[in-house]
Amino acid sequence: MKRLLTILFALTFITQVFAQIPASEMQAMKDLYQSTQGDSWNQKWDLNQPIEDWAGVTVTNNHVTEIRMLFNNLNGELPSSLEQLTELKVLELSFNKISGTLPTTLGNLQKLELLALNGNNLTGEIPSSIGNLNSLKQLHVSSNRLSGTVPASLENLEQLEIFNVFDNNLYGSLPAGLGKLRTLKEFMVAENNFVNSNEISTILLSNSANMSLEGKVLNPSSKSIIAIETSDDDN
């Protein structure tokens, strides 16, 4: 009986150590590892170790709250199951080799404050579901191969401080409401094919009295930075 109790205690202890986050979150993390060739990462995850010991992962109150994996050789597509990380605040996967499209399910991450995917190989459009991220403060998707128009739903990001879509294949009209967001500090949209840059510049200037037009950058030494396309006549 004593030996049986010891075994049961040991099993309970192991369960507590390895089950500190919901099973759905653990599966989403494993999906990310598998779909981006985790065995080839610069800093690999040991899936047999507690998740709080995984490189770049922050666990708070038994939930994954941050994933920071810059320059880590992630190569593949983002899994749609990332939506299961319901408490995630930071998803920083810049400067890797992530391809494919942005999962529409990212719009279900209601706690997300930072979404950064700069310098990857992403294609397709920015999902309109991103406009559902009411807590989002920073959106970074520069230097990818994104195409299409910027969805009007992004005007709903009332907490947005940084909007960075620099160096993609985006086109059409930027939603005017983006320029009216009072929280904006950085607005980087150059090296795309937008048709209403002058209109957006006017809106941004009217909302930021401390900015002055200096070529393609508005007052880069001030609190706010705006990199925007200008026509040849403006140069």
C-alpha atoms as a PDB file:
ATOM      1  CA  MET A   1       0.000   0.000   0.000  1.00  0.00           C
ATOM      2  CA  LYS A   2       2.815   2.402   0.877  1.00  0.00           C
ATOM      3  CA  ARG A   3       4.492   1.724  -2.459  1.00  0.00           C
ATOM      4  CA  LEU A   4       1.196   2.297  -4.293  1.00  0.00           C
ATOM      5  CA  LEU A   5       0.715   5.623  -2.525  1.00  0.00           C
ATOM      6  CA  THR A   6       4.249   6.624  -3.463  1.00  0.00           C
ATOM      7  CA  ILE A   7       3.593   5.827  -7.119  1.00  0.00           C
ATOM      8  CA  LEU A   8       0.320   7.738  -7.063  1.00  0.00           C
ATOM      9  CA  PHE A   9       2.039  10.730  -5.477  1.00  0.00           C
ATOM     10  CA  ALA A  10       4.777  10.646  -8.106  1.00  0.00           C
ATOM     11  CA  LEU A  11       2.234  10.491 -10.926  1.00  0.00           C
ATOM     12  CA  THR A  12       0.308  13.387  -9.418  1.00  0.00           C
ATOM     13  CA  PHE A  13       3.506  15.431  -9.154  1.00  0.00           C
ATOM     14  CA  ILE A  14       4.454  14.729 -12.773  1.00  0.00           C
ATOM     15  CA  THR A  15       0.956  15.685 -13.904  1.00  0.00           C
ATOM     16  CA  GLN A  16       1.167  18.963 -12.014  1.00  0.00           C
ATOM     17  CA  VAL A  17       4.556  19.766 -13.529  1.00  0.00           C
ATOM     18  CA  PHE A  18       3.634  19.023 -17.124  1.00  0.00           C
ATOM     19  CA  ALA A  19       0.011  20.161 -17.131  1.00  0.00           C
ATOM     20  CA  GLN A  20       0.338  23.759 -16.045  1.00  0.00           C
ATOM     21  CA  ILE A  21      -1.423  25.123 -19.099  1.00  0.00           C
ATOM     22  CA  PRO A  22      -4.660  23.937 -20.743  1.00  0.00           C
ATOM     23  CA  ALA A  23      -4.324  21.044 -23.159  1.00  0.00           C
ATOM     24  CA  SER A  24      -5.588  23.230 -26.003  1.00  0.00           C
ATOM     25  CA  GLU A  25      -2.756  25.721 -25.437  1.00  0.00           C
ATOM     26  CA  MET A  26      -0.167  22.964 -25.241  1.00  0.00           C
ATOM     27  CA  GLN A  27      -1.412  21.550 -28.532  1.00  0.00           C
ATOM     28  CA  ALA A  28      -1.240  24.983 -30.172  1.00  0.00           C
ATOM     29  CA  MET A  29       2.377  25.352 -29.047  1.00  0.00           C
ATOM     30  CA  LYS A  30       3.251  21.926 -30.396  1.00  0.00           C
ATOM     31  CA  ASP A  31       1.502  22.798 -33.661  1.00  0.00           C
ATOM     32  CA  LEU A  32       3.663  25.913 -33.956  1.00  0.00           C
ATOM     33  CA  TYR A  33       6.783  23.857 -33.328  1.00  0.00           C
ATOM     34  CA  GLN A  34       5.875  21.234 -35.909  1.00  0.00           C
ATOM     35  CA  SER A  35       4.566  23.565 -38.621  1.00  0.00           C
ATOM     36  CA  THR A  36       7.677  25.775 -38.507  1.00  0.00           C
ATOM     37  CA  GLN A  37      10.231  22.923 -38.376  1.00  0.00           C
ATOM     38  CA  GLY A  38      11.147  23.262 -34.727  1.00  0.00           C
ATOM     39  CA  ASP A  39      13.904  20.669 -35.048  1.00  0.00           C
ATOM     40  CA  SER A  40      15.773  23.185 -37.233  1.00  0.00           C
ATOM     41  CA  TRP A  41      15.308  26.201 -34.968  1.00  0.00           C
ATOM     42  CA  ASN A  42      18.354  27.965 -33.580  1.00  0.00           C
ATOM     43  CA  GLN A  43      16.885  27.638 -30.094  1.00  0.00           C
ATOM     44  CA  LYS A  44      14.775  24.497 -29.998  1.00  0.00           C
ATOM     45  CA  TRP A  45      12.034  23.598 -27.563  1.00  0.00           C
ATOM     46  CA  ASP A  46      12.406  20.433 -25.535  1.00  0.00           C
ATOM     47  CA  LEU A  47       8.824  19.240 -25.611  1.00  0.00           C
ATOM     48  CA  ASN A  48       9.559  16.889 -22.720  1.00  0.00           C
ATOM     49  CA  GLN A  49      10.397  19.784 -20.409  1.00  0.00           C
ATOM     50  CA  PRO A  50       7.962  22.110 -18.612  1.00  0.00           C
ATOM     51  CA  ILE A  51       6.725  24.761 -21.012  1.00  0.00           C
ATOM     52  CA  GLU A  52       7.977  27.613 -18.855  1.00  0.00           C
ATOM     53  CA  ASP A  53      11.496  26.375 -19.662  1.00  0.00           C
ATOM     54  CA  TRP A  54      10.984  26.686 -23.424  1.00  0.00           C
ATOM     55  CA  ALA A  55      13.086  29.427 -25.024  1.00  0.00           C
ATOM     56  CA  GLY A  56      11.161  32.621 -25.685  1.00  0.00           C
ATOM     57  CA  VAL A  57       7.984  31.493 -23.918  1.00  0.00           C
ATOM     58  CA  THR A  58       6.431  33.276 -20.954  1.00  0.00           C
ATOM     59  CA  VAL A  59       3.808  31.541 -18.837  1.00  0.00           C
ATOM     60  CA  THR A  60       1.675  33.570 -16.429  1.00  0.00           C
ATOM     61  CA  ASN A  61      -0.987  32.059 -14.179  1.00  0.00           C
ATOM     62  CA  ASN A  62      -0.849  28.784 -16.110  1.00  0.00           C
ATOM     63  CA  HIS A  63      -1.366  30.398 -19.508  1.00  0.00           C
ATOM     64  CA  VAL A  64       1.015  31.226 -22.346  1.00  0.00           C
ATOM     65  CA  THR A  65       1.209  35.025 -22.437  1.00  0.00           C
ATOM     66  CA  GLU A  66       4.277  35.711 -24.598  1.00  0.00           C
ATOM     67  CA  ILE A  67       6.116  34.051 -27.488  1.00  0.00           C
ATOM     68  CA  ARG A  68       9.290  35.852 -28.565  1.00  0.00           C
ATOM     69  CA  MET A  69      11.248  34.005 -31.244  1.00  0.00           C
ATOM     70  CA  LEU A  70      13.198  36.570 -33.277  1.00  0.00           C
ATOM     71  CA  PHE A  71      15.948  35.349 -35.627  1.00  0.00           C
ATOM     72  CA  ASN A  72      15.229  31.740 -34.731  1.00  0.00           C
ATOM     73  CA  ASN A  73      14.948  30.114 -38.178  1.00  0.00           C
ATOM     74  CA  LEU A  74      11.225  29.355 -38.033  1.00  0.00           C
ATOM     75  CA  ASN A  75      10.452  27.978 -41.482  1.00  0.00           C
ATOM     76  CA  GLY A  76       6.907  27.131 -42.488  1.00  0.00           C
ATOM     77  CA  GLU A  77       3.373  28.357 -41.959  1.00  0.00           C
ATOM     78  CA  LEU A  78       1.631  29.602 -38.838  1.00  0.00           C
ATOM     79  CA  PRO A  79      -0.996  27.134 -37.589  1.00  0.00           C
ATOM     80  CA  SER A  80      -4.593  28.279 -37.231  1.00  0.00           C
ATOM     81  CA  SER A  81      -4.642  26.677 -33.774  1.00  0.00           C
ATOM     82  CA  LEU A  82      -2.764  29.687 -32.368  1.00  0.00           C
ATOM     83  CA  GLU A  83      -6.227  31.019 -31.577  1.00  0.00           C
ATOM     84  CA  GLN A  84      -6.238  28.604 -28.616  1.00  0.00           C
ATOM     85  CA  LEU A  85      -3.666  30.818 -26.851  1.00  0.00           C
ATOM     86  CA  THR A  86      -6.455  32.894 -25.378  1.00  0.00           C
ATOM     87  CA  GLU A  87      -4.258  34.807 -22.902  1.00  0.00           C
ATOM     88  CA  LEU A  88      -1.470  35.607 -25.377  1.00  0.00           C
ATOM     89  CA  LYS A  89      -0.303  39.228 -25.229  1.00  0.00           C
ATOM     90  CA  VAL A  90       2.877  39.095 -27.320  1.00  0.00           C
ATOM     91  CA  LEU A  91       3.526  37.198 -30.546  1.00  0.00           C
ATOM     92  CA  GLU A  92       6.974  38.286 -31.776  1.00  0.00           C
ATOM     93  CA  LEU A  93       8.213  36.121 -34.645  1.00  0.00           C
ATOM     94  CA  SER A  94      10.124  38.664 -36.718  1.00  0.00           C
ATOM     95  CA  PHE A  95      13.062  37.889 -38.980  1.00  0.00           C
ATOM     96  CA  ASN A  96      12.434  34.241 -39.646  1.00  0.00           C
ATOM     97  CA  LYS A  97      11.334  32.332 -42.755  1.00  0.00           C
ATOM     98  CA  ILE A  98       7.620  32.079 -42.061  1.00  0.00           C
ATOM     99  CA  SER A  99       5.619  31.677 -45.262  1.00  0.00           C
ATOM    100  CA  GLY A 100       2.013  31.273 -46.291  1.00  0.00           C
ATOM    101  CA  THR A 101      -0.819  33.554 -45.254  1.00  0.00           C
ATOM    102  CA  LEU A 102      -1.733  35.110 -41.933  1.00  0.00           C
ATOM    103  CA  PRO A 103      -4.324  32.837 -40.274  1.00  0.00           C
ATOM    104  CA  THR A 104      -7.681  34.568 -39.929  1.00  0.00           C
ATOM    105  CA  THR A 105      -7.907  32.952 -36.493  1.00  0.00           C
ATOM    106  CA  LEU A 106      -5.328  35.434 -35.186  1.00  0.00           C
ATOM    107  CA  GLY A 107      -8.286  37.778 -34.868  1.00  0.00           C
ATOM    108  CA  ASN A 108      -9.552  35.672 -31.963  1.00  0.00           C
ATOM    109  CA  LEU A 109      -6.583  36.564 -29.725  1.00  0.00           C
ATOM    110  CA  GLN A 110      -8.460  39.182 -27.757  1.00  0.00           C
ATOM    111  CA  LYS A 111      -5.626  39.804 -25.277  1.00  0.00           C
ATOM    112  CA  LEU A 112      -2.965  40.338 -27.969  1.00  0.00           C
ATOM    113  CA  GLU A 113      -1.082  43.641 -27.600  1.00  0.00           C
ATOM    114  CA  LEU A 114       1.906  43.037 -29.900  1.00  0.00           C
ATOM    115  CA  LEU A 115       1.809  41.198 -33.227  1.00  0.00           C
ATOM    116  CA  ALA A 116       5.206  41.325 -34.932  1.00  0.00           C
ATOM    117  CA  LEU A 117       6.084  39.366 -38.061  1.00  0.00           C
ATOM    118  CA  ASN A 118       8.585  41.652 -39.771  1.00  0.00           C
ATOM    119  CA  GLY A 119      11.070  40.219 -42.248  1.00  0.00           C
ATOM    120  CA  ASN A 120       9.386  36.937 -43.151  1.00  0.00           C
ATOM    121  CA  ASN A 121       7.950  35.524 -46.392  1.00  0.00           C
ATOM    122  CA  LEU A 122       4.267  36.031 -45.718  1.00  0.00           C
ATOM    123  CA  THR A 123       1.921  36.308 -48.687  1.00  0.00           C
ATOM    124  CA  GLY A 124      -1.765  36.989 -49.200  1.00  0.00           C
ATOM    125  CA  GLU A 125      -3.850  39.675 -47.573  1.00  0.00           C
ATOM    126  CA  ILE A 126      -4.027  41.125 -44.094  1.00  0.00           C
ATOM    127  CA  PRO A 127      -7.093  39.373 -42.625  1.00  0.00           C
ATOM    128  CA  SER A 128      -9.990  41.659 -41.776  1.00  0.00           C
ATOM    129  CA  SER A 129     -10.262  39.696 -38.509  1.00  0.00           C
ATOM    130  CA  ILE A 130      -7.186  41.587 -37.232  1.00  0.00           C
ATOM    131  CA  GLY A 131      -9.607  44.453 -36.669  1.00  0.00           C
ATOM    132  CA  ASN A 132     -11.139  42.415 -33.832  1.00  0.00           C
ATOM    133  CA  LEU A 133      -7.987  42.711 -31.706  1.00  0.00           C
ATOM    134  CA  ASN A 134      -9.282  45.351 -29.331  1.00  0.00           C
ATOM    135  CA  SER A 135      -6.154  45.255 -27.156  1.00  0.00           C
ATOM    136  CA  LEU A 136      -3.634  45.510 -30.010  1.00  0.00           C
ATOM    137  CA  LYS A 137      -1.073  48.284 -29.574  1.00  0.00           C
ATOM    138  CA  GLN A 138       1.544  47.319 -32.144  1.00  0.00           C
ATOM    139  CA  LEU A 139       1.129  45.724 -35.574  1.00  0.00           C
ATOM    140  CA  HIS A 140       4.400  44.969 -37.397  1.00  0.00           C
ATOM    141  CA  VAL A 141       4.320  43.120 -40.725  1.00  0.00           C
ATOM    142  CA  SER A 142       6.984  45.013 -42.675  1.00  0.00           C
ATOM    143  CA  SER A 143       9.246  43.463 -45.316  1.00  0.00           C
ATOM    144  CA  ASN A 144       7.011  40.589 -46.338  1.00  0.00           C
ATOM    145  CA  ARG A 145       5.151  39.914 -49.586  1.00  0.00           C
ATOM    146  CA  LEU A 146       1.675  40.805 -48.410  1.00  0.00           C
ATOM    147  CA  SER A 147      -0.735  41.994 -51.098  1.00  0.00           C
ATOM    148  CA  GLY A 148      -4.260  43.324 -51.405  1.00  0.00           C
ATOM    149  CA  THR A 149      -5.765  46.265 -49.592  1.00  0.00           C
ATOM    150  CA  VAL A 150      -5.627  47.221 -45.919  1.00  0.00           C
ATOM    151  CA  PRO A 151      -8.986  46.142 -44.452  1.00  0.00           C
ATOM    152  CA  ALA A 152     -11.237  48.909 -43.187  1.00  0.00           C
ATOM    153  CA  SER A 153     -11.791  46.896 -40.003  1.00  0.00           C
ATOM    154  CA  LEU A 154      -8.367  48.035 -38.765  1.00  0.00           C
ATOM    155  CA  GLU A 155      -9.977  51.393 -38.015  1.00  0.00           C
ATOM    156  CA  ASN A 156     -11.449  49.616 -34.978  1.00  0.00           C
ATOM    157  CA  LEU A 157      -8.026  49.204 -33.323  1.00  0.00           C
ATOM    158  CA  GLU A 158      -8.563  52.007 -30.842  1.00  0.00           C
ATOM    159  CA  GLN A 159      -5.480  51.121 -28.787  1.00  0.00           C
ATOM    160  CA  LEU A 160      -3.109  51.017 -31.776  1.00  0.00           C
ATOM    161  CA  GLU A 161       0.149  52.909 -31.309  1.00  0.00           C
ATOM    162  CA  ILE A 162       2.300  51.478 -34.110  1.00  0.00           C
ATOM    163  CA  PHE A 163       1.061  50.538 -37.588  1.00  0.00           C
ATOM    164  CA  ASN A 164       3.930  49.123 -39.644  1.00  0.00           C
ATOM    165  CA  VAL A 165       3.270  47.604 -43.065  1.00  0.00           C
ATOM    166  CA  PHE A 166       6.400  49.040 -44.691  1.00  0.00           C
ATOM    167  CA  ASP A 167       7.801  47.259 -47.775  1.00  0.00           C
ATOM    168  CA  ASN A 168       5.054  44.951 -49.010  1.00  0.00           C
ATOM    169  CA  ASN A 169       2.876  44.735 -52.121  1.00  0.00           C
ATOM    170  CA  LEU A 170      -0.179  46.397 -50.617  1.00  0.00           C
ATOM    171  CA  TYR A 171      -2.252  48.748 -52.740  1.00  0.00           C
ATOM    172  CA  GLY A 172      -5.462  50.753 -52.920  1.00  0.00           C
ATOM    173  CA  SER A 173      -6.656  53.270 -50.360  1.00  0.00           C
ATOM    174  CA  LEU A 174      -5.530  53.284 -46.763  1.00  0.00           C
ATOM    175  CA  PRO A 175      -8.568  53.453 -44.440  1.00  0.00           C
ATOM    176  CA  ALA A 176      -8.904  57.114 -43.447  1.00  0.00           C
ATOM    177  CA  GLY A 177      -9.919  56.079 -39.946  1.00  0.00           C
ATOM    178  CA  LEU A 178      -6.451  54.697 -39.312  1.00  0.00           C
ATOM    179  CA  GLY A 179      -4.995  58.180 -39.545  1.00  0.00           C
ATOM    180  CA  LYS A 180      -7.566  59.460 -37.079  1.00  0.00           C
ATOM    181  CA  LEU A 181      -6.614  57.074 -34.285  1.00  0.00           C
ATOM    182  CA  ARG A 182      -5.563  59.300 -31.400  1.00  0.00           C
ATOM    183  CA  THR A 183      -3.217  56.670 -29.970  1.00  0.00           C
ATOM    184  CA  LEU A 184      -0.962  56.454 -33.064  1.00  0.00           C
ATOM    185  CA  LYS A 185       2.731  57.165 -32.565  1.00  0.00           C
ATOM    186  CA  GLU A 186       4.234  55.458 -35.617  1.00  0.00           C
ATOM    187  CA  PHE A 187       2.616  54.971 -39.029  1.00  0.00           C
ATOM    188  CA  MET A 188       4.903  53.276 -41.539  1.00  0.00           C
ATOM    189  CA  VAL A 189       3.387  52.484 -44.915  1.00  0.00           C
ATOM    190  CA  ALA A 190       6.073  53.417 -47.469  1.00  0.00           C
ATOM    191  CA  GLU A 191       7.265  51.007 -50.185  1.00  0.00           C
ATOM    192  CA  ASN A 192       3.748  49.912 -51.088  1.00  0.00           C
ATOM    193  CA  ASN A 193       1.324  51.116 -53.757  1.00  0.00           C
ATOM    194  CA  PHE A 194      -1.258  53.148 -51.857  1.00  0.00           C
ATOM    195  CA  VAL A 195      -3.185  55.780 -53.812  1.00  0.00           C
ATOM    196  CA  ASN A 196      -4.300  58.158 -51.048  1.00  0.00           C
ATOM    197  CA  SER A 197      -1.053  58.924 -49.245  1.00  0.00           C
ATOM    198  CA  ASN A 198      -1.527  62.691 -49.487  1.00  0.00           C
ATOM    199  CA  GLU A 199      -4.966  62.433 -47.909  1.00  0.00           C
ATOM    200  CA  ILE A 200      -3.647  60.306 -45.064  1.00  0.00           C
ATOM    201  CA  SER A 201      -0.729  62.710 -44.576  1.00  0.00           C
ATOM    202  CA  THR A 202      -3.186  65.572 -44.129  1.00  0.00           C
ATOM    203  CA  ILE A 203      -5.231  63.620 -41.592  1.00  0.00           C
ATOM    204  CA  LEU A 204      -2.133  62.623 -39.644  1.00  0.00           C
ATOM    205  CA  LEU A 205      -0.806  66.175 -39.624  1.00  0.00           C
ATOM    206  CA  SER A 206      -4.097  67.537 -38.364  1.00  0.00           C
ATOM    207  CA  ASN A 207      -3.997  65.081 -35.482  1.00  0.00           C
ATOM    208  CA  SER A 208      -0.350  65.692 -34.559  1.00  0.00           C
ATOM    209  CA  ALA A 209       0.541  69.337 -34.090  1.00  0.00           C
ATOM    210  CA  ASN A 210       4.138  68.439 -33.216  1.00  0.00           C
ATOM    211  CA  MET A 211       4.870  66.894 -36.639  1.00  0.00           C
ATOM    212  CA  SER A 212       6.274  68.617 -39.717  1.00  0.00           C
ATOM    213  CA  LEU A 213       6.574  67.198 -43.211  1.00  0.00           C
ATOM    214  CA  GLU A 214      10.174  66.428 -44.088  1.00  0.00           C
ATOM    215  CA  GLY A 215      10.233  64.427 -47.314  1.00  0.00           C
ATOM    216  CA  LYS A 216       8.989  60.927 -46.608  1.00  0.00           C
ATOM    217  CA  VAL A 217       9.383  61.068 -42.842  1.00  0.00           C
ATOM    218  CA  LEU A 218       7.443  63.349 -40.561  1.00  0.00           C
ATOM    219  CA  ASN A 219       9.705  64.703 -37.840  1.00  0.00           C
ATOM    220  CA  PRO A 220      11.701  61.509 -37.113  1.00  0.00           C
ATOM    221  CA  SER A 221      13.270  63.036 -33.995  1.00  0.00           C
ATOM    222  CA  SER A 222       9.928  63.602 -32.290  1.00  0.00           C
ATOM    223  CA  LYS A 223       7.759  61.203 -30.361  1.00  0.00           C
ATOM    224  CA  SER A 224       5.848  60.252 -33.506  1.00  0.00           C
ATOM    225  CA  ILE A 225       7.327  58.798 -36.683  1.00  0.00           C
ATOM    226  CA  ILE A 226       5.475  58.527 -39.961  1.00  0.00           C
ATOM    227  CA  ALA A 227       7.008  56.974 -43.055  1.00  0.00           C
ATOM    228  CA  ILE A 228       4.650  57.407 -45.966  1.00  0.00           C
ATOM    229  CA  GLU A 229       4.774  57.382 -49.748  1.00  0.00           C
ATOM    230  CA  THR A 230       5.002  60.736 -51.517  1.00  0.00           C
ATOM    231  CA  SER A 231       4.652  61.423 -55.210  1.00  0.00           C
ATOM    232  CA  ASP A 232       7.600  62.481 -57.357  1.00  0.00           C
ATOM    233  CA  ASP A 233       6.246  66.028 -57.336  1.00  0.00           C
ATOM    234  CA  ASP A 234       6.600  66.159 -53.563  1.00  0.00           C
ATOM    235  CA  ASN A 235      10.293  65.218 -53.517  1.00  0.00           C
END
